[in-house]
Amino acid sequence: MASRVDRSQLFEDIFDVKDIDPEGKKFDRVSRLHCESESFKIELILDINSWIYPIDLGDKFRLSLCTSLRDDGYSESGEWNPLDMQSQETSGKVANFEYIMYGKVYRIEGEETPRSEQGGTGRMTIYISYGGLLMRLHGETGGNLNNFAMDQNVYLFMKKLAF
């Protein structure tokens, strides 16, 4: 059986929660997570609704950022169809995750440095807003962070991992 490639996937990694609300809790139902990825050494700051999806210090979770809910990677039609949603909830991407948000890339910052200078690859920061819950990804360029574009719509998928 041939494996399917998800053309909508922009980024995926496993993150360790290093700190929660280090500047103090600003809202009752929101927590700001400070995390570090295992594979790409990317720093993540993420606001989540901790009332519906509680996360504890030391937890690990899988984070995937995609442009579509669909398994085939094609974009949505732009109109919500409850029949489409029912099939997605029982199979595929949506069924494999516990927490999903929809947002938009609102800023991209790059500290591009040519490889020949100081042996560096440069650093990049991606900012995404999920209806006011903010996310910041910061790490080296030349990898998964180069897949993002300004004003791009993005789905965030999360699932806690048992370890």
C-alpha atoms as a PDB file:
ATOM      1  CA  MET A   1       0.000   0.000   0.000  1.00  0.00           C
ATOM      2  CA  ALA A   2       1.447   3.353  -1.010  1.00  0.00           C
ATOM      3  CA  SER A   3       1.787   6.013   1.698  1.00  0.00           C
ATOM      4  CA  ARG A   4      -0.063   9.273   1.213  1.00  0.00           C
ATOM      5  CA  VAL A   5       1.842  12.527   1.312  1.00  0.00           C
ATOM      6  CA  ASP A   6       0.116  15.440   3.033  1.00  0.00           C
ATOM      7  CA  ARG A   7       0.774  18.418   0.774  1.00  0.00           C
ATOM      8  CA  SER A   8      -0.786  20.789   3.294  1.00  0.00           C
ATOM      9  CA  GLN A   9       1.716  20.144   6.098  1.00  0.00           C
ATOM     10  CA  LEU A  10       3.970  23.111   6.846  1.00  0.00           C
ATOM     11  CA  PHE A  11       5.630  21.987  10.061  1.00  0.00           C
ATOM     12  CA  GLU A  12       5.595  19.082  12.520  1.00  0.00           C
ATOM     13  CA  ASP A  13       7.629  18.242  15.602  1.00  0.00           C
ATOM     14  CA  ILE A  14       7.417  17.055  19.197  1.00  0.00           C
ATOM     15  CA  PHE A  15       7.697  19.732  21.892  1.00  0.00           C
ATOM     16  CA  ASP A  16       8.595  19.676  25.582  1.00  0.00           C
ATOM     17  CA  VAL A  17       6.813  22.186  27.843  1.00  0.00           C
ATOM     18  CA  LYS A  18       9.621  24.067  29.636  1.00  0.00           C
ATOM     19  CA  ASP A  19       7.565  26.826  31.321  1.00  0.00           C
ATOM     20  CA  ILE A  20       3.938  27.942  31.686  1.00  0.00           C
ATOM     21  CA  ASP A  21       2.914  31.594  32.179  1.00  0.00           C
ATOM     22  CA  PRO A  22       6.404  32.857  33.187  1.00  0.00           C
ATOM     23  CA  GLU A  23       5.173  36.476  33.146  1.00  0.00           C
ATOM     24  CA  GLY A  24       2.136  35.558  35.266  1.00  0.00           C
ATOM     25  CA  LYS A  25      -1.354  34.484  34.267  1.00  0.00           C
ATOM     26  CA  LYS A  26      -3.101  37.194  32.234  1.00  0.00           C
ATOM     27  CA  PHE A  27      -6.426  35.437  31.553  1.00  0.00           C
ATOM     28  CA  ASP A  28      -8.317  32.790  33.556  1.00  0.00           C
ATOM     29  CA  ARG A  29      -8.761  30.325  30.708  1.00  0.00           C
ATOM     30  CA  VAL A  30      -5.564  30.931  28.736  1.00  0.00           C
ATOM     31  CA  SER A  31      -2.043  29.692  29.414  1.00  0.00           C
ATOM     32  CA  ARG A  32       1.130  30.714  27.608  1.00  0.00           C
ATOM     33  CA  LEU A  33       3.382  27.729  26.983  1.00  0.00           C
ATOM     34  CA  HIS A  34       7.126  28.062  26.460  1.00  0.00           C
ATOM     35  CA  CYS A  35       8.399  24.957  24.701  1.00  0.00           C
ATOM     36  CA  GLU A  36      11.381  23.533  22.850  1.00  0.00           C
ATOM     37  CA  SER A  37      11.224  21.078  19.973  1.00  0.00           C
ATOM     38  CA  GLU A  38      13.057  17.768  20.042  1.00  0.00           C
ATOM     39  CA  SER A  39      14.121  17.450  16.403  1.00  0.00           C
ATOM     40  CA  PHE A  40      14.710  20.941  15.032  1.00  0.00           C
ATOM     41  CA  LYS A  41      15.588  22.893  18.224  1.00  0.00           C
ATOM     42  CA  ILE A  42      12.812  25.370  17.560  1.00  0.00           C
ATOM     43  CA  GLU A  43      11.526  27.582  20.355  1.00  0.00           C
ATOM     44  CA  LEU A  44       7.736  27.773  20.639  1.00  0.00           C
ATOM     45  CA  ILE A  45       5.595  30.202  22.588  1.00  0.00           C
ATOM     46  CA  LEU A  46       1.928  29.247  22.334  1.00  0.00           C
ATOM     47  CA  ASP A  47      -1.278  30.512  23.940  1.00  0.00           C
ATOM     48  CA  ILE A  48      -3.846  27.758  24.487  1.00  0.00           C
ATOM     49  CA  ASN A  49      -7.292  27.561  26.055  1.00  0.00           C
ATOM     50  CA  SER A  50      -6.181  25.741  29.202  1.00  0.00           C
ATOM     51  CA  TRP A  51      -9.761  25.360  30.364  1.00  0.00           C
ATOM     52  CA  ILE A  52     -10.615  22.939  27.544  1.00  0.00           C
ATOM     53  CA  TYR A  53      -7.098  21.560  26.943  1.00  0.00           C
ATOM     54  CA  PRO A  54      -4.969  21.638  30.112  1.00  0.00           C
ATOM     55  CA  ILE A  55      -1.200  21.182  29.730  1.00  0.00           C
ATOM     56  CA  ASP A  56       1.248  20.666  32.587  1.00  0.00           C
ATOM     57  CA  LEU A  57       4.902  21.553  32.985  1.00  0.00           C
ATOM     58  CA  GLY A  58       7.029  18.736  31.562  1.00  0.00           C
ATOM     59  CA  ASP A  59       4.316  17.469  29.196  1.00  0.00           C
ATOM     60  CA  LYS A  60       5.278  16.487  25.650  1.00  0.00           C
ATOM     61  CA  PHE A  61       3.015  17.026  22.687  1.00  0.00           C
ATOM     62  CA  ARG A  62       3.020  16.561  18.941  1.00  0.00           C
ATOM     63  CA  LEU A  63       2.375  19.794  17.042  1.00  0.00           C
ATOM     64  CA  SER A  64       1.469  19.886  13.371  1.00  0.00           C
ATOM     65  CA  LEU A  65       0.764  23.003  11.316  1.00  0.00           C
ATOM     66  CA  CYS A  66      -1.161  22.524   8.069  1.00  0.00           C
ATOM     67  CA  THR A  67      -3.021  24.612   5.514  1.00  0.00           C
ATOM     68  CA  SER A  68      -5.956  22.198   5.304  1.00  0.00           C
ATOM     69  CA  LEU A  69      -8.071  19.863   7.422  1.00  0.00           C
ATOM     70  CA  ARG A  70      -8.368  17.506   4.483  1.00  0.00           C
ATOM     71  CA  ASP A  71      -6.245  14.365   4.359  1.00  0.00           C
ATOM     72  CA  ASP A  72      -5.498  14.789   0.653  1.00  0.00           C
ATOM     73  CA  GLY A  73      -3.924  18.196   1.301  1.00  0.00           C
ATOM     74  CA  TYR A  74      -6.260  20.164  -0.945  1.00  0.00           C
ATOM     75  CA  SER A  75      -7.650  23.397   0.442  1.00  0.00           C
ATOM     76  CA  GLU A  76     -11.187  23.717   1.653  1.00  0.00           C
ATOM     77  CA  SER A  77     -13.918  25.182  -0.519  1.00  0.00           C
ATOM     78  CA  GLY A  78     -14.350  28.117   1.863  1.00  0.00           C
ATOM     79  CA  GLU A  79     -17.816  27.040   2.903  1.00  0.00           C
ATOM     80  CA  TRP A  80     -18.547  24.932   5.959  1.00  0.00           C
ATOM     81  CA  ASN A  81     -20.291  21.670   5.165  1.00  0.00           C
ATOM     82  CA  PRO A  82     -21.384  19.561   8.170  1.00  0.00           C
ATOM     83  CA  LEU A  83     -21.270  16.368   6.074  1.00  0.00           C
ATOM     84  CA  ASP A  84     -17.599  16.965   5.252  1.00  0.00           C
ATOM     85  CA  MET A  85     -16.872  17.567   8.922  1.00  0.00           C
ATOM     86  CA  GLN A  86     -18.505  14.313  10.021  1.00  0.00           C
ATOM     87  CA  SER A  87     -16.282  12.270   7.724  1.00  0.00           C
ATOM     88  CA  GLN A  88     -13.163  14.174   8.867  1.00  0.00           C
ATOM     89  CA  GLU A  89     -13.949  13.653  12.560  1.00  0.00           C
ATOM     90  CA  THR A  90     -13.965   9.877  12.207  1.00  0.00           C
ATOM     91  CA  SER A  91     -10.919   9.468   9.990  1.00  0.00           C
ATOM     92  CA  GLY A  92      -7.695  11.160   9.103  1.00  0.00           C
ATOM     93  CA  LYS A  93      -6.016  14.216  10.514  1.00  0.00           C
ATOM     94  CA  VAL A  94      -8.812  15.508  12.730  1.00  0.00           C
ATOM     95  CA  ALA A  95      -9.332  12.117  14.409  1.00  0.00           C
ATOM     96  CA  ASN A  96      -5.606  11.833  15.267  1.00  0.00           C
ATOM     97  CA  PHE A  97      -5.388  15.039  17.326  1.00  0.00           C
ATOM     98  CA  GLU A  98      -6.991  16.365  20.524  1.00  0.00           C
ATOM     99  CA  TYR A  99      -6.782  20.150  20.098  1.00  0.00           C
ATOM    100  CA  ILE A 100      -7.198  22.085  16.836  1.00  0.00           C
ATOM    101  CA  MET A 101      -7.134  25.835  16.135  1.00  0.00           C
ATOM    102  CA  TYR A 102      -7.453  27.906  12.955  1.00  0.00           C
ATOM    103  CA  GLY A 103      -5.398  31.051  12.432  1.00  0.00           C
ATOM    104  CA  LYS A 104      -3.353  33.253  10.156  1.00  0.00           C
ATOM    105  CA  VAL A 105       0.342  34.105   9.768  1.00  0.00           C
ATOM    106  CA  TYR A 106       0.593  37.812  10.601  1.00  0.00           C
ATOM    107  CA  ARG A 107       4.350  38.393  10.733  1.00  0.00           C
ATOM    108  CA  ILE A 108       7.545  36.740   9.534  1.00  0.00           C
ATOM    109  CA  GLU A 109      10.931  37.961  10.695  1.00  0.00           C
ATOM    110  CA  GLY A 110      14.199  36.668   9.320  1.00  0.00           C
ATOM    111  CA  GLU A 111      17.789  37.193  10.348  1.00  0.00           C
ATOM    112  CA  GLU A 112      19.094  35.665   7.141  1.00  0.00           C
ATOM    113  CA  THR A 113      22.841  35.129   7.175  1.00  0.00           C
ATOM    114  CA  PRO A 114      24.602  33.505   4.235  1.00  0.00           C
ATOM    115  CA  ARG A 115      26.119  30.123   5.160  1.00  0.00           C
ATOM    116  CA  SER A 116      29.572  31.302   4.127  1.00  0.00           C
ATOM    117  CA  GLU A 117      29.571  34.100   6.722  1.00  0.00           C
ATOM    118  CA  GLN A 118      30.358  32.855  10.243  1.00  0.00           C
ATOM    119  CA  GLY A 119      29.101  29.378   9.301  1.00  0.00           C
ATOM    120  CA  GLY A 120      25.552  30.379  10.206  1.00  0.00           C
ATOM    121  CA  THR A 121      22.254  29.550   8.617  1.00  0.00           C
ATOM    122  CA  GLY A 122      20.310  32.513   9.988  1.00  0.00           C
ATOM    123  CA  ARG A 123      17.306  32.597  12.280  1.00  0.00           C
ATOM    124  CA  MET A 124      13.637  33.026  11.468  1.00  0.00           C
ATOM    125  CA  THR A 125      10.542  33.833  13.541  1.00  0.00           C
ATOM    126  CA  ILE A 126       6.975  33.045  12.488  1.00  0.00           C
ATOM    127  CA  TYR A 127       4.006  34.686  14.242  1.00  0.00           C
ATOM    128  CA  ILE A 128       0.494  33.234  13.950  1.00  0.00           C
ATOM    129  CA  SER A 129      -2.736  34.449  15.559  1.00  0.00           C
ATOM    130  CA  TYR A 130      -5.523  32.000  16.338  1.00  0.00           C
ATOM    131  CA  GLY A 131      -8.323  34.467  17.041  1.00  0.00           C
ATOM    132  CA  GLY A 132      -6.205  36.298  19.611  1.00  0.00           C
ATOM    133  CA  LEU A 133      -4.359  33.257  20.953  1.00  0.00           C
ATOM    134  CA  LEU A 134      -0.836  33.868  19.723  1.00  0.00           C
ATOM    135  CA  MET A 135       1.970  31.611  18.606  1.00  0.00           C
ATOM    136  CA  ARG A 136       5.651  32.280  17.942  1.00  0.00           C
ATOM    137  CA  LEU A 137       8.016  29.782  16.306  1.00  0.00           C
ATOM    138  CA  HIS A 138      11.695  30.754  16.380  1.00  0.00           C
ATOM    139  CA  GLY A 139      14.590  28.752  14.988  1.00  0.00           C
ATOM    140  CA  GLU A 140      17.156  28.285  12.276  1.00  0.00           C
ATOM    141  CA  THR A 141      16.213  28.831   8.654  1.00  0.00           C
ATOM    142  CA  GLY A 142      16.778  26.121   6.120  1.00  0.00           C
ATOM    143  CA  GLY A 143      14.133  23.694   7.153  1.00  0.00           C
ATOM    144  CA  ASN A 144      10.528  23.701   8.143  1.00  0.00           C
ATOM    145  CA  LEU A 145      10.264  27.422   8.901  1.00  0.00           C
ATOM    146  CA  ASN A 146      10.787  28.335   5.234  1.00  0.00           C
ATOM    147  CA  ASN A 147       7.369  26.861   4.332  1.00  0.00           C
ATOM    148  CA  PHE A 148       5.335  29.776   5.734  1.00  0.00           C
ATOM    149  CA  ALA A 149       3.996  32.850   3.911  1.00  0.00           C
ATOM    150  CA  MET A 150       2.416  36.107   5.077  1.00  0.00           C
ATOM    151  CA  ASP A 151      -1.394  36.021   5.498  1.00  0.00           C
ATOM    152  CA  GLN A 152      -1.393  32.235   5.097  1.00  0.00           C
ATOM    153  CA  ASN A 153      -4.259  30.409   6.813  1.00  0.00           C
ATOM    154  CA  VAL A 154      -2.966  27.715   9.171  1.00  0.00           C
ATOM    155  CA  TYR A 155      -4.501  24.902  11.206  1.00  0.00           C
ATOM    156  CA  LEU A 156      -2.747  23.939  14.427  1.00  0.00           C
ATOM    157  CA  PHE A 157      -3.087  20.298  15.539  1.00  0.00           C
ATOM    158  CA  MET A 158      -1.935  19.140  19.001  1.00  0.00           C
ATOM    159  CA  LYS A 159      -1.874  15.825  20.815  1.00  0.00           C
ATOM    160  CA  LYS A 160      -0.259  15.044  24.157  1.00  0.00           C
ATOM    161  CA  LEU A 161       2.208  12.178  24.165  1.00  0.00           C
ATOM    162  CA  ALA A 162       2.614   9.559  26.864  1.00  0.00           C
ATOM    163  CA  PHE A 163       6.227   9.032  27.819  1.00  0.00           C
END
